[in-house]
Amino acid sequence: MKKLLFVLMLLFSYSGFCQIDKGTIAFGGEIFVDFSKEKYSIDDIYKEFSIAFGPEVGYFIFDNISIGCIPLISYSSIKGIYDDRDDLNTTTKSFGINLNSRKYFGKRMIKPLIGLGLGIDKTSRKHYVYGYFNNEYSYQEENENYLYFIADLIAGISIKINDKINVDLIANYNNKWINKTTDEGGYYLEDNSIFRFGTGITLFY
């Protein structure tokens, strides 16, 4: 324990030339994985798995401040069980483009960071719903395609491994929304938000 505390003290107290200089180009990205389970009763259970990956290219317009572009790729699966029967099975795939900016703080080996991103996201959703169709109980497939607006907020720390490599630990709040039309010709707002944790690697040149 004493050795671990000593190493951490060295990392936080080191104040050499660790800022990220203007003109640096960064390549990297983060990956986020999420598992959730919602249980409304003994026989009414919903399980969800999602994974998202965002490779990134960035350019530092000032010391410790970058702008960049992230192609967003994600997949999620929701499975519902009711009365020991597969009642709902939904898969969602999306691809988007996000323009973002990041701010790193300080010149130490471990630097806090925050970021903001805005973009668009094309989502394809496939439902397999069990119900009463055509005078019998069966599965019916439904497909939907939407174009969402997205906003990302991130906060975390970036840990310097060497002059070219940082490891990032990230908390991410992702929100996407769209105006949809109803069968009666009206409009309503669909708003989806998720809070997740992830990790990634950034290479500097």
C-alpha atoms as a PDB file:
ATOM      1  CA  MET A   1       0.000   0.000   0.000  1.00  0.00           C
ATOM      2  CA  LYS A   2       2.835   2.414   0.847  1.00  0.00           C
ATOM      3  CA  LYS A   3       4.470   1.734  -2.524  1.00  0.00           C
ATOM      4  CA  LEU A   4       1.169   2.385  -4.330  1.00  0.00           C
ATOM      5  CA  LEU A   5       0.656   5.676  -2.491  1.00  0.00           C
ATOM      6  CA  PHE A   6       4.237   6.686  -3.299  1.00  0.00           C
ATOM      7  CA  VAL A   7       3.704   6.018  -7.039  1.00  0.00           C
ATOM      8  CA  LEU A   8       0.442   7.990  -7.036  1.00  0.00           C
ATOM      9  CA  MET A   9       2.134  10.910  -5.275  1.00  0.00           C
ATOM     10  CA  LEU A  10       4.865  10.912  -7.912  1.00  0.00           C
ATOM     11  CA  LEU A  11       2.340  10.932 -10.749  1.00  0.00           C
ATOM     12  CA  PHE A  12       0.304  13.800  -9.332  1.00  0.00           C
ATOM     13  CA  SER A  13       3.300  15.857  -8.244  1.00  0.00           C
ATOM     14  CA  TYR A  14       5.282  15.503 -11.469  1.00  0.00           C
ATOM     15  CA  SER A  15       5.078  18.827 -13.296  1.00  0.00           C
ATOM     16  CA  GLY A  16       7.405  18.384 -16.238  1.00  0.00           C
ATOM     17  CA  PHE A  17       6.528  19.382 -19.805  1.00  0.00           C
ATOM     18  CA  CYS A  18       3.341  17.297 -20.018  1.00  0.00           C
ATOM     19  CA  GLN A  19       0.982  19.763 -21.638  1.00  0.00           C
ATOM     20  CA  ILE A  20      -0.300  18.889 -25.097  1.00  0.00           C
ATOM     21  CA  ASP A  21       1.121  21.527 -27.420  1.00  0.00           C
ATOM     22  CA  LYS A  22      -0.682  23.525 -30.079  1.00  0.00           C
ATOM     23  CA  GLY A  23      -0.368  21.864 -33.493  1.00  0.00           C
ATOM     24  CA  THR A  24      -0.406  18.293 -32.106  1.00  0.00           C
ATOM     25  CA  ILE A  25      -2.521  15.745 -34.004  1.00  0.00           C
ATOM     26  CA  ALA A  26      -4.330  13.083 -31.961  1.00  0.00           C
ATOM     27  CA  PHE A  27      -5.662   9.679 -33.048  1.00  0.00           C
ATOM     28  CA  GLY A  28      -7.656   7.533 -30.695  1.00  0.00           C
ATOM     29  CA  GLY A  29     -11.110   6.818 -29.376  1.00  0.00           C
ATOM     30  CA  GLU A  30     -13.193   5.288 -26.603  1.00  0.00           C
ATOM     31  CA  ILE A  31     -15.286   2.181 -26.160  1.00  0.00           C
ATOM     32  CA  PHE A  32     -18.351   1.963 -23.909  1.00  0.00           C
ATOM     33  CA  VAL A  33     -20.108  -1.254 -22.816  1.00  0.00           C
ATOM     34  CA  ASP A  34     -23.313  -1.347 -20.806  1.00  0.00           C
ATOM     35  CA  PHE A  35     -25.445  -4.139 -19.296  1.00  0.00           C
ATOM     36  CA  SER A  36     -28.776  -3.504 -17.593  1.00  0.00           C
ATOM     37  CA  LYS A  37     -31.667  -5.541 -16.235  1.00  0.00           C
ATOM     38  CA  GLU A  38     -35.101  -4.243 -15.279  1.00  0.00           C
ATOM     39  CA  LYS A  39     -37.418  -6.472 -13.282  1.00  0.00           C
ATOM     40  CA  TYR A  40     -41.010  -5.336 -12.888  1.00  0.00           C
ATOM     41  CA  SER A  41     -42.313  -8.627 -11.480  1.00  0.00           C
ATOM     42  CA  ILE A  42     -41.192 -12.242 -11.166  1.00  0.00           C
ATOM     43  CA  ASP A  43     -42.128 -12.984 -14.790  1.00  0.00           C
ATOM     44  CA  ASP A  44     -41.685  -9.537 -16.344  1.00  0.00           C
ATOM     45  CA  ILE A  45     -37.981  -8.938 -17.052  1.00  0.00           C
ATOM     46  CA  TYR A  46     -36.162  -6.743 -19.578  1.00  0.00           C
ATOM     47  CA  LYS A  47     -32.461  -7.177 -20.300  1.00  0.00           C
ATOM     48  CA  GLU A  48     -30.372  -4.765 -22.365  1.00  0.00           C
ATOM     49  CA  PHE A  49     -26.839  -4.929 -23.751  1.00  0.00           C
ATOM     50  CA  SER A  50     -25.199  -2.054 -25.597  1.00  0.00           C
ATOM     51  CA  ILE A  51     -21.745  -1.304 -26.962  1.00  0.00           C
ATOM     52  CA  ALA A  52     -20.493   1.909 -28.561  1.00  0.00           C
ATOM     53  CA  PHE A  53     -17.189   2.754 -30.206  1.00  0.00           C
ATOM     54  CA  GLY A  54     -15.951   6.132 -31.349  1.00  0.00           C
ATOM     55  CA  PRO A  55     -12.595   6.431 -33.179  1.00  0.00           C
ATOM     56  CA  GLU A  56     -11.390  10.025 -33.116  1.00  0.00           C
ATOM     57  CA  VAL A  57      -9.109  12.391 -35.015  1.00  0.00           C
ATOM     58  CA  GLY A  58      -8.286  15.666 -33.297  1.00  0.00           C
ATOM     59  CA  TYR A  59      -6.117  18.738 -33.756  1.00  0.00           C
ATOM     60  CA  PHE A  60      -4.906  21.001 -30.934  1.00  0.00           C
ATOM     61  CA  ILE A  61      -5.725  24.592 -31.891  1.00  0.00           C
ATOM     62  CA  PHE A  62      -4.261  25.786 -28.566  1.00  0.00           C
ATOM     63  CA  ASP A  63      -2.179  24.151 -25.849  1.00  0.00           C
ATOM     64  CA  ASN A  64      -4.406  21.499 -24.191  1.00  0.00           C
ATOM     65  CA  ILE A  65      -7.463  22.430 -26.348  1.00  0.00           C
ATOM     66  CA  SER A  66      -8.462  20.274 -29.322  1.00  0.00           C
ATOM     67  CA  ILE A  67     -11.187  20.060 -31.929  1.00  0.00           C
ATOM     68  CA  GLY A  68     -11.986  16.782 -33.646  1.00  0.00           C
ATOM     69  CA  CYS A  69     -14.309  14.471 -35.500  1.00  0.00           C
ATOM     70  CA  ILE A  70     -15.702  11.158 -34.214  1.00  0.00           C
ATOM     71  CA  PRO A  71     -17.564   8.549 -36.288  1.00  0.00           C
ATOM     72  CA  LEU A  72     -19.989   7.017 -33.778  1.00  0.00           C
ATOM     73  CA  ILE A  73     -20.805   3.308 -34.081  1.00  0.00           C
ATOM     74  CA  SER A  74     -23.166   1.587 -31.656  1.00  0.00           C
ATOM     75  CA  TYR A  75     -25.247  -1.557 -31.200  1.00  0.00           C
ATOM     76  CA  SER A  76     -27.839  -2.456 -28.587  1.00  0.00           C
ATOM     77  CA  SER A  77     -30.133  -5.372 -27.883  1.00  0.00           C
ATOM     78  CA  ILE A  78     -33.203  -5.452 -25.630  1.00  0.00           C
ATOM     79  CA  LYS A  79     -34.883  -8.720 -24.705  1.00  0.00           C
ATOM     80  CA  GLY A  80     -38.142  -8.866 -22.795  1.00  0.00           C
ATOM     81  CA  ILE A  81     -39.546 -11.949 -21.081  1.00  0.00           C
ATOM     82  CA  TYR A  82     -43.115 -12.179 -19.862  1.00  0.00           C
ATOM     83  CA  ASP A  83     -44.708 -15.358 -18.492  1.00  0.00           C
ATOM     84  CA  ASP A  84     -41.654 -17.405 -19.611  1.00  0.00           C
ATOM     85  CA  ARG A  85     -42.183 -16.238 -23.214  1.00  0.00           C
ATOM     86  CA  ASP A  86     -39.971 -14.060 -25.387  1.00  0.00           C
ATOM     87  CA  ASP A  87     -42.275 -11.073 -25.544  1.00  0.00           C
ATOM     88  CA  LEU A  88     -40.013  -8.447 -27.073  1.00  0.00           C
ATOM     89  CA  ASN A  89     -36.711  -8.590 -28.938  1.00  0.00           C
ATOM     90  CA  THR A  90     -35.301  -5.336 -30.294  1.00  0.00           C
ATOM     91  CA  THR A  91     -31.933  -4.690 -31.929  1.00  0.00           C
ATOM     92  CA  THR A  92     -30.666  -1.209 -32.738  1.00  0.00           C
ATOM     93  CA  LYS A  93     -27.715  -0.235 -34.915  1.00  0.00           C
ATOM     94  CA  SER A  94     -26.560   3.324 -35.439  1.00  0.00           C
ATOM     95  CA  PHE A  95     -23.848   5.280 -37.176  1.00  0.00           C
ATOM     96  CA  GLY A  96     -23.211   8.978 -36.754  1.00  0.00           C
ATOM     97  CA  ILE A  97     -20.744  11.823 -37.082  1.00  0.00           C
ATOM     98  CA  ASN A  98     -19.870  13.967 -34.099  1.00  0.00           C
ATOM     99  CA  LEU A  99     -17.812  17.197 -34.097  1.00  0.00           C
ATOM    100  CA  ASN A 100     -16.277  17.783 -30.698  1.00  0.00           C
ATOM    101  CA  SER A 101     -13.914  19.866 -28.620  1.00  0.00           C
ATOM    102  CA  ARG A 102     -11.835  18.844 -25.602  1.00  0.00           C
ATOM    103  CA  LYS A 103     -10.079  20.765 -22.874  1.00  0.00           C
ATOM    104  CA  TYR A 104      -7.236  19.203 -20.870  1.00  0.00           C
ATOM    105  CA  PHE A 105      -6.158  20.794 -17.591  1.00  0.00           C
ATOM    106  CA  GLY A 106      -2.653  21.233 -16.271  1.00  0.00           C
ATOM    107  CA  LYS A 107       0.797  19.936 -17.174  1.00  0.00           C
ATOM    108  CA  ARG A 108       0.880  16.853 -14.960  1.00  0.00           C
ATOM    109  CA  MET A 109       1.010  13.230 -16.061  1.00  0.00           C
ATOM    110  CA  ILE A 110      -2.626  12.773 -14.978  1.00  0.00           C
ATOM    111  CA  LYS A 111      -4.775  15.515 -16.496  1.00  0.00           C
ATOM    112  CA  PRO A 112      -8.508  16.063 -15.971  1.00  0.00           C
ATOM    113  CA  LEU A 113     -10.443  16.653 -19.190  1.00  0.00           C
ATOM    114  CA  ILE A 114     -13.893  17.755 -20.312  1.00  0.00           C
ATOM    115  CA  GLY A 115     -15.480  17.733 -23.753  1.00  0.00           C
ATOM    116  CA  LEU A 116     -18.566  18.646 -25.760  1.00  0.00           C
ATOM    117  CA  GLY A 117     -19.784  17.130 -29.034  1.00  0.00           C
ATOM    118  CA  LEU A 118     -22.644  17.786 -31.458  1.00  0.00           C
ATOM    119  CA  GLY A 119     -23.678  15.727 -34.464  1.00  0.00           C
ATOM    120  CA  ILE A 120     -26.189  13.507 -36.230  1.00  0.00           C
ATOM    121  CA  ASP A 121     -26.947   9.813 -35.892  1.00  0.00           C
ATOM    122  CA  LYS A 122     -28.675   7.432 -38.336  1.00  0.00           C
ATOM    123  CA  THR A 123     -30.431   4.661 -36.418  1.00  0.00           C
ATOM    124  CA  SER A 124     -31.930   1.408 -37.716  1.00  0.00           C
ATOM    125  CA  ARG A 125     -34.187  -0.423 -35.293  1.00  0.00           C
ATOM    126  CA  LYS A 126     -35.622  -3.915 -35.733  1.00  0.00           C
ATOM    127  CA  HIS A 127     -38.401  -5.252 -33.501  1.00  0.00           C
ATOM    128  CA  TYR A 128     -39.534  -8.830 -33.067  1.00  0.00           C
ATOM    129  CA  VAL A 129     -42.820  -8.521 -31.192  1.00  0.00           C
ATOM    130  CA  TYR A 130     -44.843 -11.489 -29.984  1.00  0.00           C
ATOM    131  CA  GLY A 131     -48.568 -10.892 -30.209  1.00  0.00           C
ATOM    132  CA  TYR A 132     -51.871 -11.785 -31.801  1.00  0.00           C
ATOM    133  CA  PHE A 133     -51.433 -11.314 -35.565  1.00  0.00           C
ATOM    134  CA  ASN A 134     -53.530 -12.784 -38.402  1.00  0.00           C
ATOM    135  CA  ASN A 135     -55.780 -14.696 -35.997  1.00  0.00           C
ATOM    136  CA  GLU A 136     -52.905 -16.403 -34.208  1.00  0.00           C
ATOM    137  CA  TYR A 137     -50.117 -15.710 -31.744  1.00  0.00           C
ATOM    138  CA  SER A 138     -46.808 -15.266 -33.557  1.00  0.00           C
ATOM    139  CA  TYR A 139     -43.765 -13.047 -33.995  1.00  0.00           C
ATOM    140  CA  GLN A 140     -43.943 -10.016 -36.257  1.00  0.00           C
ATOM    141  CA  GLU A 141     -40.943  -8.068 -37.483  1.00  0.00           C
ATOM    142  CA  GLU A 142     -41.044  -4.274 -37.551  1.00  0.00           C
ATOM    143  CA  ASN A 143     -38.291  -2.059 -38.994  1.00  0.00           C
ATOM    144  CA  GLU A 144     -37.680   1.635 -38.328  1.00  0.00           C
ATOM    145  CA  ASN A 145     -35.050   4.089 -39.607  1.00  0.00           C
ATOM    146  CA  TYR A 146     -34.512   7.527 -38.100  1.00  0.00           C
ATOM    147  CA  LEU A 147     -32.048  10.402 -38.234  1.00  0.00           C
ATOM    148  CA  TYR A 148     -31.352  11.828 -34.770  1.00  0.00           C
ATOM    149  CA  PHE A 149     -29.571  14.942 -33.525  1.00  0.00           C
ATOM    150  CA  ILE A 150     -27.029  14.098 -30.819  1.00  0.00           C
ATOM    151  CA  ALA A 151     -25.186  15.915 -28.039  1.00  0.00           C
ATOM    152  CA  ASP A 152     -22.328  14.475 -25.986  1.00  0.00           C
ATOM    153  CA  LEU A 153     -20.788  15.616 -22.724  1.00  0.00           C
ATOM    154  CA  ILE A 154     -17.669  13.900 -21.377  1.00  0.00           C
ATOM    155  CA  ALA A 155     -15.493  14.241 -18.292  1.00  0.00           C
ATOM    156  CA  GLY A 156     -12.598  12.156 -17.086  1.00  0.00           C
ATOM    157  CA  ILE A 157      -8.853  11.877 -16.743  1.00  0.00           C
ATOM    158  CA  SER A 158      -6.076  11.325 -19.275  1.00  0.00           C
ATOM    159  CA  ILE A 159      -3.038   9.393 -18.027  1.00  0.00           C
ATOM    160  CA  LYS A 160       0.289   9.881 -19.813  1.00  0.00           C
ATOM    161  CA  ILE A 161       2.045   6.596 -20.580  1.00  0.00           C
ATOM    162  CA  ASN A 162       4.842   8.143 -22.657  1.00  0.00           C
ATOM    163  CA  ASP A 163       5.334  11.084 -25.039  1.00  0.00           C
ATOM    164  CA  LYS A 164       3.054   9.483 -27.655  1.00  0.00           C
ATOM    165  CA  ILE A 165       0.410   7.568 -25.698  1.00  0.00           C
ATOM    166  CA  ASN A 166      -2.280   8.525 -23.184  1.00  0.00           C
ATOM    167  CA  VAL A 167      -4.905   6.266 -21.597  1.00  0.00           C
ATOM    168  CA  ASP A 168      -8.283   7.936 -21.010  1.00  0.00           C
ATOM    169  CA  LEU A 169     -10.918   7.052 -18.401  1.00  0.00           C
ATOM    170  CA  ILE A 170     -14.191   8.675 -19.459  1.00  0.00           C
ATOM    171  CA  ALA A 171     -17.697   9.315 -18.121  1.00  0.00           C
ATOM    172  CA  ASN A 172     -20.082  10.110 -20.990  1.00  0.00           C
ATOM    173  CA  TYR A 173     -23.584  11.614 -21.101  1.00  0.00           C
ATOM    174  CA  ASN A 174     -25.176  11.052 -24.509  1.00  0.00           C
ATOM    175  CA  ASN A 175     -28.486  12.569 -25.585  1.00  0.00           C
ATOM    176  CA  LYS A 176     -30.228  12.155 -28.938  1.00  0.00           C
ATOM    177  CA  TRP A 177     -33.582  13.498 -30.041  1.00  0.00           C
ATOM    178  CA  ILE A 178     -35.925  13.645 -33.020  1.00  0.00           C
ATOM    179  CA  ASN A 179     -39.303  15.090 -33.913  1.00  0.00           C
ATOM    180  CA  LYS A 180     -41.602  12.261 -35.034  1.00  0.00           C
ATOM    181  CA  THR A 181     -44.981  12.391 -36.717  1.00  0.00           C
ATOM    182  CA  THR A 182     -48.064  10.612 -35.392  1.00  0.00           C
ATOM    183  CA  ASP A 183     -50.659   8.712 -37.398  1.00  0.00           C
ATOM    184  CA  GLU A 184     -52.950  11.726 -36.987  1.00  0.00           C
ATOM    185  CA  GLY A 185     -50.385  14.059 -38.592  1.00  0.00           C
ATOM    186  CA  GLY A 186     -49.143  15.640 -35.369  1.00  0.00           C
ATOM    187  CA  TYR A 187     -45.635  15.771 -33.916  1.00  0.00           C
ATOM    188  CA  TYR A 188     -43.982  14.575 -30.749  1.00  0.00           C
ATOM    189  CA  LEU A 189     -40.426  14.670 -29.413  1.00  0.00           C
ATOM    190  CA  GLU A 190     -38.548  11.419 -28.797  1.00  0.00           C
ATOM    191  CA  ASP A 191     -35.672  12.078 -26.396  1.00  0.00           C
ATOM    192  CA  ASN A 192     -33.176   9.336 -25.425  1.00  0.00           C
ATOM    193  CA  SER A 193     -30.399   9.761 -22.866  1.00  0.00           C
ATOM    194  CA  ILE A 194     -27.730   7.422 -21.524  1.00  0.00           C
ATOM    195  CA  PHE A 195     -24.954   7.816 -18.943  1.00  0.00           C
ATOM    196  CA  ARG A 196     -22.024   5.425 -19.287  1.00  0.00           C
ATOM    197  CA  PHE A 197     -18.351   4.861 -18.477  1.00  0.00           C
ATOM    198  CA  GLY A 198     -15.622   3.877 -20.887  1.00  0.00           C
ATOM    199  CA  THR A 199     -11.922   3.805 -21.619  1.00  0.00           C
ATOM    200  CA  GLY A 200      -9.719   4.551 -24.582  1.00  0.00           C
ATOM    201  CA  ILE A 201      -6.237   5.235 -25.915  1.00  0.00           C
ATOM    202  CA  THR A 202      -4.997   8.403 -27.622  1.00  0.00           C
ATOM    203  CA  LEU A 203      -1.878   8.625 -29.813  1.00  0.00           C
ATOM    204  CA  PHE A 204      -0.177  12.005 -30.335  1.00  0.00           C
ATOM    205  CA  TYR A 205       1.902  13.121 -33.314  1.00  0.00           C
END
